[in-house]
Amino acid sequence: MNNNEHNNNPLHGVTLEKLVTELQAHYGWEKLDEMLRMNCFHEKPSINSCLKFFRKTPWAREKIEKLYINFRKNQTK
């Protein structure tokens, strides 16, 4: 990857842990569960359980990454 490709990737340099932590701090577990309907937000939610789930479940990781990208876009407005 060249430098320009990194600049076009909104997730470049953002760890999965940072992503989940920021979203949880902003929305809370209940709102994340409402928005994405995933058990990791509903059944005994924790950062570690979410990380484990998202690392093993590509479709769920894609959803949380899209939510994070939209969240960051709205933060910069």
PDB file of N, CA and C in Angstrom:
ATOM      1  N   MET A   1       0.832  -1.181   0.000  1.00  0.00           N
ATOM      2  CA  MET A   1       0.000   0.000   0.000  1.00  0.00           C
ATOM      3  C   MET A   1       0.878   1.247   0.000  1.00  0.00           C
ATOM      4  N   ASN A   2       0.531   2.185  -0.818  1.00  0.00           N
ATOM      5  CA  ASN A   2       1.298   3.420  -0.791  1.00  0.00           C
ATOM      6  C   ASN A   2       0.633   4.425   0.149  1.00  0.00           C
ATOM      7  N   ASN A   3       1.288   5.535   0.356  1.00  0.00           N
ATOM      8  CA  ASN A   3       0.822   6.540   1.308  1.00  0.00           C
ATOM      9  C   ASN A   3      -0.552   7.081   0.947  1.00  0.00           C
ATOM     10  N   ASN A   4      -0.827   7.250  -0.344  1.00  0.00           N
ATOM     11  CA  ASN A   4      -2.113   7.783  -0.788  1.00  0.00           C
ATOM     12  C   ASN A   4      -3.259   6.840  -0.425  1.00  0.00           C
ATOM     13  N   GLU A   5      -3.022   5.527  -0.515  1.00  0.00           N
ATOM     14  CA  GLU A   5      -4.056   4.565  -0.165  1.00  0.00           C
ATOM     15  C   GLU A   5      -4.381   4.625   1.327  1.00  0.00           C
ATOM     16  N   HIS A   6      -3.379   4.882   2.156  1.00  0.00           N
ATOM     17  CA  HIS A   6      -3.620   5.032   3.592  1.00  0.00           C
ATOM     18  C   HIS A   6      -4.492   6.246   3.860  1.00  0.00           C
ATOM     19  N   ASN A   7      -4.254   7.331   3.136  1.00  0.00           N
ATOM     20  CA  ASN A   7      -5.026   8.554   3.334  1.00  0.00           C
ATOM     21  C   ASN A   7      -6.490   8.367   2.947  1.00  0.00           C
ATOM     22  N   ASN A   8      -6.769   7.469   2.015  1.00  0.00           N
ATOM     23  CA  ASN A   8      -8.142   7.229   1.572  1.00  0.00           C
ATOM     24  C   ASN A   8      -8.877   6.208   2.433  1.00  0.00           C
ATOM     25  N   ASN A   9      -8.180   5.561   3.339  1.00  0.00           N
ATOM     26  CA  ASN A   9      -8.793   4.561   4.208  1.00  0.00           C
ATOM     27  C   ASN A   9      -9.148   5.209   5.544  1.00  0.00           C
ATOM     28  N   PRO A  10     -10.440   5.428   5.810  1.00  0.00           N
ATOM     29  CA  PRO A  10     -10.829   6.105   7.054  1.00  0.00           C
ATOM     30  C   PRO A  10     -10.514   5.295   8.315  1.00  0.00           C
ATOM     31  N   LEU A  11     -10.229   4.004   8.158  1.00  0.00           N
ATOM     32  CA  LEU A  11      -9.921   3.164   9.313  1.00  0.00           C
ATOM     33  C   LEU A  11      -8.423   2.978   9.519  1.00  0.00           C
ATOM     34  N   HIS A  12      -7.620   3.601   8.668  1.00  0.00           N
ATOM     35  CA  HIS A  12      -6.167   3.452   8.804  1.00  0.00           C
ATOM     36  C   HIS A  12      -5.704   3.970  10.169  1.00  0.00           C
ATOM     37  N   GLY A  13      -5.004   3.128  10.900  1.00  0.00           N
ATOM     38  CA  GLY A  13      -4.473   3.515  12.204  1.00  0.00           C
ATOM     39  C   GLY A  13      -5.455   3.376  13.351  1.00  0.00           C
ATOM     40  N   VAL A  14      -6.678   2.920  13.068  1.00  0.00           N
ATOM     41  CA  VAL A  14      -7.691   2.754  14.115  1.00  0.00           C
ATOM     42  C   VAL A  14      -7.778   1.272  14.458  1.00  0.00           C
ATOM     43  N   THR A  15      -7.485   0.930  15.695  1.00  0.00           N
ATOM     44  CA  THR A  15      -7.591  -0.467  16.109  1.00  0.00           C
ATOM     45  C   THR A  15      -9.057  -0.818  16.355  1.00  0.00           C
ATOM     46  N   LEU A  16      -9.338  -2.085  16.288  1.00  0.00           N
ATOM     47  CA  LEU A  16     -10.702  -2.549  16.565  1.00  0.00           C
ATOM     48  C   LEU A  16     -11.099  -2.183  17.996  1.00  0.00           C
ATOM     49  N   GLU A  17     -10.162  -2.283  18.923  1.00  0.00           N
ATOM     50  CA  GLU A  17     -10.447  -1.926  20.313  1.00  0.00           C
ATOM     51  C   GLU A  17     -10.811  -0.445  20.449  1.00  0.00           C
ATOM     52  N   LYS A  18     -10.081   0.420  19.777  1.00  0.00           N
ATOM     53  CA  LYS A  18     -10.379   1.852  19.836  1.00  0.00           C
ATOM     54  C   LYS A  18     -11.750   2.133  19.233  1.00  0.00           C
ATOM     55  N   LEU A  19     -12.033   1.497  18.134  1.00  0.00           N
ATOM     56  CA  LEU A  19     -13.302   1.674  17.438  1.00  0.00           C
ATOM     57  C   LEU A  19     -14.471   1.300  18.359  1.00  0.00           C
ATOM     58  N   VAL A  20     -14.422   0.115  18.951  1.00  0.00           N
ATOM     59  CA  VAL A  20     -15.498  -0.354  19.829  1.00  0.00           C
ATOM     60  C   VAL A  20     -15.591   0.527  21.073  1.00  0.00           C
ATOM     61  N   THR A  21     -14.458   0.894  21.634  1.00  0.00           N
ATOM     62  CA  THR A  21     -14.447   1.724  22.841  1.00  0.00           C
ATOM     63  C   THR A  21     -15.077   3.091  22.587  1.00  0.00           C
ATOM     64  N   GLU A  22     -14.725   3.718  21.478  1.00  0.00           N
ATOM     65  CA  GLU A  22     -15.297   5.037  21.154  1.00  0.00           C
ATOM     66  C   GLU A  22     -16.799   4.957  20.922  1.00  0.00           C
ATOM     67  N   LEU A  23     -17.233   3.943  20.178  1.00  0.00           N
ATOM     68  CA  LEU A  23     -18.663   3.805  19.918  1.00  0.00           C
ATOM     69  C   LEU A  23     -19.431   3.516  21.203  1.00  0.00           C
ATOM     70  N   GLN A  24     -18.879   2.667  22.062  1.00  0.00           N
ATOM     71  CA  GLN A  24     -19.548   2.351  23.319  1.00  0.00           C
ATOM     72  C   GLN A  24     -19.632   3.580  24.218  1.00  0.00           C
ATOM     73  N   ALA A  25     -18.566   4.364  24.257  1.00  0.00           N
ATOM     74  CA  ALA A  25     -18.566   5.573  25.091  1.00  0.00           C
ATOM     75  C   ALA A  25     -19.596   6.588  24.584  1.00  0.00           C
ATOM     76  N   HIS A  26     -19.753   6.665  23.287  1.00  0.00           N
ATOM     77  CA  HIS A  26     -20.688   7.641  22.707  1.00  0.00           C
ATOM     78  C   HIS A  26     -22.148   7.160  22.783  1.00  0.00           C
ATOM     79  N   TYR A  27     -22.393   5.935  22.354  1.00  0.00           N
ATOM     80  CA  TYR A  27     -23.766   5.437  22.250  1.00  0.00           C
ATOM     81  C   TYR A  27     -24.222   4.620  23.458  1.00  0.00           C
ATOM     82  N   GLY A  28     -23.313   3.896  24.088  1.00  0.00           N
ATOM     83  CA  GLY A  28     -23.683   2.977  25.167  1.00  0.00           C
ATOM     84  C   GLY A  28     -24.102   1.635  24.588  1.00  0.00           C
ATOM     85  N   TRP A  29     -24.099   0.605  25.445  1.00  0.00           N
ATOM     86  CA  TRP A  29     -24.417  -0.748  24.978  1.00  0.00           C
ATOM     87  C   TRP A  29     -25.835  -0.858  24.455  1.00  0.00           C
ATOM     88  N   GLU A  30     -26.780  -0.249  25.144  1.00  0.00           N
ATOM     89  CA  GLU A  30     -28.188  -0.372  24.769  1.00  0.00           C
ATOM     90  C   GLU A  30     -28.457   0.209  23.377  1.00  0.00           C
ATOM     91  N   LYS A  31     -27.919   1.378  23.119  1.00  0.00           N
ATOM     92  CA  LYS A  31     -28.122   2.022  21.807  1.00  0.00           C
ATOM     93  C   LYS A  31     -27.412   1.227  20.705  1.00  0.00           C
ATOM     94  N   LEU A  32     -26.207   0.724  20.976  1.00  0.00           N
ATOM     95  CA  LEU A  32     -25.508  -0.103  19.982  1.00  0.00           C
ATOM     96  C   LEU A  32     -26.325  -1.353  19.666  1.00  0.00           C
ATOM     97  N   ASP A  33     -26.934  -1.955  20.677  1.00  0.00           N
ATOM     98  CA  ASP A  33     -27.779  -3.121  20.462  1.00  0.00           C
ATOM     99  C   ASP A  33     -28.984  -2.757  19.601  1.00  0.00           C
ATOM    100  N   GLU A  34     -29.600  -1.616  19.870  1.00  0.00           N
ATOM    101  CA  GLU A  34     -30.726  -1.147  19.054  1.00  0.00           C
ATOM    102  C   GLU A  34     -30.320  -0.948  17.601  1.00  0.00           C
ATOM    103  N   MET A  35     -29.163  -0.352  17.406  1.00  0.00           N
ATOM    104  CA  MET A  35     -28.710   0.006  16.066  1.00  0.00           C
ATOM    105  C   MET A  35     -28.267  -1.203  15.244  1.00  0.00           C
ATOM    106  N   LEU A  36     -27.574  -2.152  15.879  1.00  0.00           N
ATOM    107  CA  LEU A  36     -26.962  -3.248  15.131  1.00  0.00           C
ATOM    108  C   LEU A  36     -27.536  -4.627  15.436  1.00  0.00           C
ATOM    109  N   ARG A  37     -28.307  -4.757  16.509  1.00  0.00           N
ATOM    110  CA  ARG A  37     -28.915  -6.033  16.875  1.00  0.00           C
ATOM    111  C   ARG A  37     -27.917  -7.187  16.897  1.00  0.00           C
ATOM    112  N   MET A  38     -26.940  -7.086  17.783  1.00  0.00           N
ATOM    113  CA  MET A  38     -25.934  -8.134  17.942  1.00  0.00           C
ATOM    114  C   MET A  38     -25.872  -8.514  19.418  1.00  0.00           C
ATOM    115  N   ASN A  39     -25.819  -9.819  19.682  1.00  0.00           N
ATOM    116  CA  ASN A  39     -25.828 -10.302  21.062  1.00  0.00           C
ATOM    117  C   ASN A  39     -24.661  -9.800  21.895  1.00  0.00           C
ATOM    118  N   CYS A  40     -23.539  -9.489  21.257  1.00  0.00           N
ATOM    119  CA  CYS A  40     -22.390  -9.021  22.045  1.00  0.00           C
ATOM    120  C   CYS A  40     -22.696  -7.690  22.739  1.00  0.00           C
ATOM    121  N   PHE A  41     -23.703  -6.965  22.267  1.00  0.00           N
ATOM    122  CA  PHE A  41     -24.113  -5.717  22.909  1.00  0.00           C
ATOM    123  C   PHE A  41     -25.255  -5.946  23.898  1.00  0.00           C
ATOM    124  N   HIS A  42     -25.871  -7.105  23.827  1.00  0.00           N
ATOM    125  CA  HIS A  42     -27.072  -7.371  24.613  1.00  0.00           C
ATOM    126  C   HIS A  42     -26.804  -8.306  25.795  1.00  0.00           C
ATOM    127  N   GLU A  43     -26.108  -9.391  25.561  1.00  0.00           N
ATOM    128  CA  GLU A  43     -25.846 -10.406  26.588  1.00  0.00           C
ATOM    129  C   GLU A  43     -24.501 -10.152  27.274  1.00  0.00           C
ATOM    130  N   LYS A  44     -24.527  -9.626  28.466  1.00  0.00           N
ATOM    131  CA  LYS A  44     -23.308  -9.346  29.245  1.00  0.00           C
ATOM    132  C   LYS A  44     -22.251  -8.622  28.403  1.00  0.00           C
ATOM    133  N   PRO A  45     -22.571  -7.438  27.920  1.00  0.00           N
ATOM    134  CA  PRO A  45     -21.644  -6.737  27.029  1.00  0.00           C
ATOM    135  C   PRO A  45     -20.350  -6.317  27.724  1.00  0.00           C
ATOM    136  N   SER A  46     -19.259  -6.453  26.986  1.00  0.00           N
ATOM    137  CA  SER A  46     -17.960  -5.962  27.436  1.00  0.00           C
ATOM    138  C   SER A  46     -17.111  -5.711  26.196  1.00  0.00           C
ATOM    139  N   ILE A  47     -16.103  -4.892  26.347  1.00  0.00           N
ATOM    140  CA  ILE A  47     -15.209  -4.615  25.227  1.00  0.00           C
ATOM    141  C   ILE A  47     -14.568  -5.915  24.756  1.00  0.00           C
ATOM    142  N   ASN A  48     -14.086  -6.731  25.689  1.00  0.00           N
ATOM    143  CA  ASN A  48     -13.408  -7.978  25.309  1.00  0.00           C
ATOM    144  C   ASN A  48     -14.319  -8.949  24.575  1.00  0.00           C
ATOM    145  N   SER A  49     -15.553  -9.102  25.021  1.00  0.00           N
ATOM    146  CA  SER A  49     -16.456 -10.028  24.325  1.00  0.00           C
ATOM    147  C   SER A  49     -16.782  -9.512  22.924  1.00  0.00           C
ATOM    148  N   CYS A  50     -16.926  -8.208  22.789  1.00  0.00           N
ATOM    149  CA  CYS A  50     -17.178  -7.619  21.470  1.00  0.00           C
ATOM    150  C   CYS A  50     -15.976  -7.824  20.543  1.00  0.00           C
ATOM    151  N   LEU A  51     -14.782  -7.599  21.066  1.00  0.00           N
ATOM    152  CA  LEU A  51     -13.581  -7.775  20.253  1.00  0.00           C
ATOM    153  C   LEU A  51     -13.473  -9.206  19.757  1.00  0.00           C
ATOM    154  N   LYS A  52     -13.715 -10.158  20.640  1.00  0.00           N
ATOM    155  CA  LYS A  52     -13.651 -11.575  20.263  1.00  0.00           C
ATOM    156  C   LYS A  52     -14.664 -11.867  19.154  1.00  0.00           C
ATOM    157  N   PHE A  53     -15.881 -11.372  19.323  1.00  0.00           N
ATOM    158  CA  PHE A  53     -16.939 -11.596  18.348  1.00  0.00           C
ATOM    159  C   PHE A  53     -16.592 -10.974  16.990  1.00  0.00           C
ATOM    160  N   PHE A  54     -16.163  -9.714  16.993  1.00  0.00           N
ATOM    161  CA  PHE A  54     -15.875  -9.027  15.725  1.00  0.00           C
ATOM    162  C   PHE A  54     -14.661  -9.621  15.009  1.00  0.00           C
ATOM    163  N   ARG A  55     -13.712 -10.131  15.753  1.00  0.00           N
ATOM    164  CA  ARG A  55     -12.543 -10.753  15.122  1.00  0.00           C
ATOM    165  C   ARG A  55     -12.916 -12.066  14.439  1.00  0.00           C
ATOM    166  N   LYS A  56     -13.927 -12.755  14.953  1.00  0.00           N
ATOM    167  CA  LYS A  56     -14.321 -14.045  14.393  1.00  0.00           C
ATOM    168  C   LYS A  56     -15.453 -13.942  13.369  1.00  0.00           C
ATOM    169  N   THR A  57     -16.104 -12.778  13.280  1.00  0.00           N
ATOM    170  CA  THR A  57     -17.321 -12.656  12.477  1.00  0.00           C
ATOM    171  C   THR A  57     -17.187 -11.498  11.480  1.00  0.00           C
ATOM    172  N   PRO A  58     -16.728 -11.808  10.265  1.00  0.00           N
ATOM    173  CA  PRO A  58     -16.469 -10.742   9.274  1.00  0.00           C
ATOM    174  C   PRO A  58     -17.667  -9.853   8.952  1.00  0.00           C
ATOM    175  N   TRP A  59     -18.874 -10.422   8.832  1.00  0.00           N
ATOM    176  CA  TRP A  59     -20.029  -9.591   8.491  1.00  0.00           C
ATOM    177  C   TRP A  59     -20.341  -8.594   9.608  1.00  0.00           C
ATOM    178  N   ALA A  60     -20.160  -9.006  10.846  1.00  0.00           N
ATOM    179  CA  ALA A  60     -20.421  -8.120  11.975  1.00  0.00           C
ATOM    180  C   ALA A  60     -19.355  -7.029  12.058  1.00  0.00           C
ATOM    181  N   ARG A  61     -18.106  -7.419  11.798  1.00  0.00           N
ATOM    182  CA  ARG A  61     -17.020  -6.436  11.817  1.00  0.00           C
ATOM    183  C   ARG A  61     -17.254  -5.361  10.752  1.00  0.00           C
ATOM    184  N   GLU A  62     -17.730  -5.785   9.595  1.00  0.00           N
ATOM    185  CA  GLU A  62     -18.020  -4.830   8.523  1.00  0.00           C
ATOM    186  C   GLU A  62     -19.095  -3.826   8.960  1.00  0.00           C
ATOM    187  N   LYS A  63     -20.124  -4.313   9.651  1.00  0.00           N
ATOM    188  CA  LYS A  63     -21.189  -3.420  10.131  1.00  0.00           C
ATOM    189  C   LYS A  63     -20.673  -2.419  11.158  1.00  0.00           C
ATOM    190  N   ILE A  64     -19.859  -2.886  12.108  1.00  0.00           N
ATOM    191  CA  ILE A  64     -19.361  -1.981  13.149  1.00  0.00           C
ATOM    192  C   ILE A  64     -18.386  -0.964  12.545  1.00  0.00           C
ATOM    193  N   GLU A  65     -17.618  -1.376  11.553  1.00  0.00           N
ATOM    194  CA  GLU A  65     -16.696  -0.454  10.885  1.00  0.00           C
ATOM    195  C   GLU A  65     -17.466   0.619  10.112  1.00  0.00           C
ATOM    196  N   LYS A  66     -18.554   0.243   9.446  1.00  0.00           N
ATOM    197  CA  LYS A  66     -19.378   1.228   8.737  1.00  0.00           C
ATOM    198  C   LYS A  66     -19.999   2.218   9.716  1.00  0.00           C
ATOM    199  N   LEU A  67     -20.473   1.709  10.834  1.00  0.00           N
ATOM    200  CA  LEU A  67     -21.045   2.587  11.857  1.00  0.00           C
ATOM    201  C   LEU A  67     -19.987   3.567  12.358  1.00  0.00           C
ATOM    202  N   TYR A  68     -18.783   3.080  12.592  1.00  0.00           N
ATOM    203  CA  TYR A  68     -17.701   3.935  13.077  1.00  0.00           C
ATOM    204  C   TYR A  68     -17.343   5.018  12.055  1.00  0.00           C
ATOM    205  N   ILE A  69     -17.262   4.648  10.786  1.00  0.00           N
ATOM    206  CA  ILE A  69     -16.946   5.619   9.737  1.00  0.00           C
ATOM    207  C   ILE A  69     -18.007   6.716   9.710  1.00  0.00           C
ATOM    208  N   ASN A  70     -19.287   6.340   9.779  1.00  0.00           N
ATOM    209  CA  ASN A  70     -20.361   7.342   9.800  1.00  0.00           C
ATOM    210  C   ASN A  70     -20.303   8.195  11.060  1.00  0.00           C
ATOM    211  N   PHE A  71     -19.995   7.577  12.182  1.00  0.00           N
ATOM    212  CA  PHE A  71     -19.850   8.284  13.449  1.00  0.00           C
ATOM    213  C   PHE A  71     -18.756   9.352  13.338  1.00  0.00           C
ATOM    214  N   ARG A  72     -17.598   8.989  12.786  1.00  0.00           N
ATOM    215  CA  ARG A  72     -16.480   9.926  12.649  1.00  0.00           C
ATOM    216  C   ARG A  72     -16.811  11.046  11.671  1.00  0.00           C
ATOM    217  N   LYS A  73     -17.516  10.732  10.581  1.00  0.00           N
ATOM    218  CA  LYS A  73     -17.925  11.766   9.620  1.00  0.00           C
ATOM    219  C   LYS A  73     -18.814  12.784  10.300  1.00  0.00           C
ATOM    220  N   ASN A  74     -19.758  12.316  11.118  1.00  0.00           N
ATOM    221  CA  ASN A  74     -20.674  13.216  11.816  1.00  0.00           C
ATOM    222  C   ASN A  74     -19.948  14.047  12.887  1.00  0.00           C
ATOM    223  N   GLN A  75     -18.877  13.503  13.453  1.00  0.00           N
ATOM    224  CA  GLN A  75     -18.103  14.222  14.461  1.00  0.00           C
ATOM    225  C   GLN A  75     -17.325  15.390  13.853  1.00  0.00           C
ATOM    226  N   THR A  76     -16.959  15.262  12.586  1.00  0.00           N
ATOM    227  CA  THR A  76     -16.155  16.308  11.946  1.00  0.00           C
ATOM    228  C   THR A  76     -17.008  17.386  11.301  1.00  0.00           C
ATOM    229  N   LYS A  77     -18.326  17.238  11.309  1.00  0.00           N
ATOM    230  CA  LYS A  77     -19.209  18.251  10.709  1.00  0.00           C
ATOM    231  C   LYS A  77     -19.375  19.423  11.628  1.00  0.00           C
TER     232      LYS A  77
END
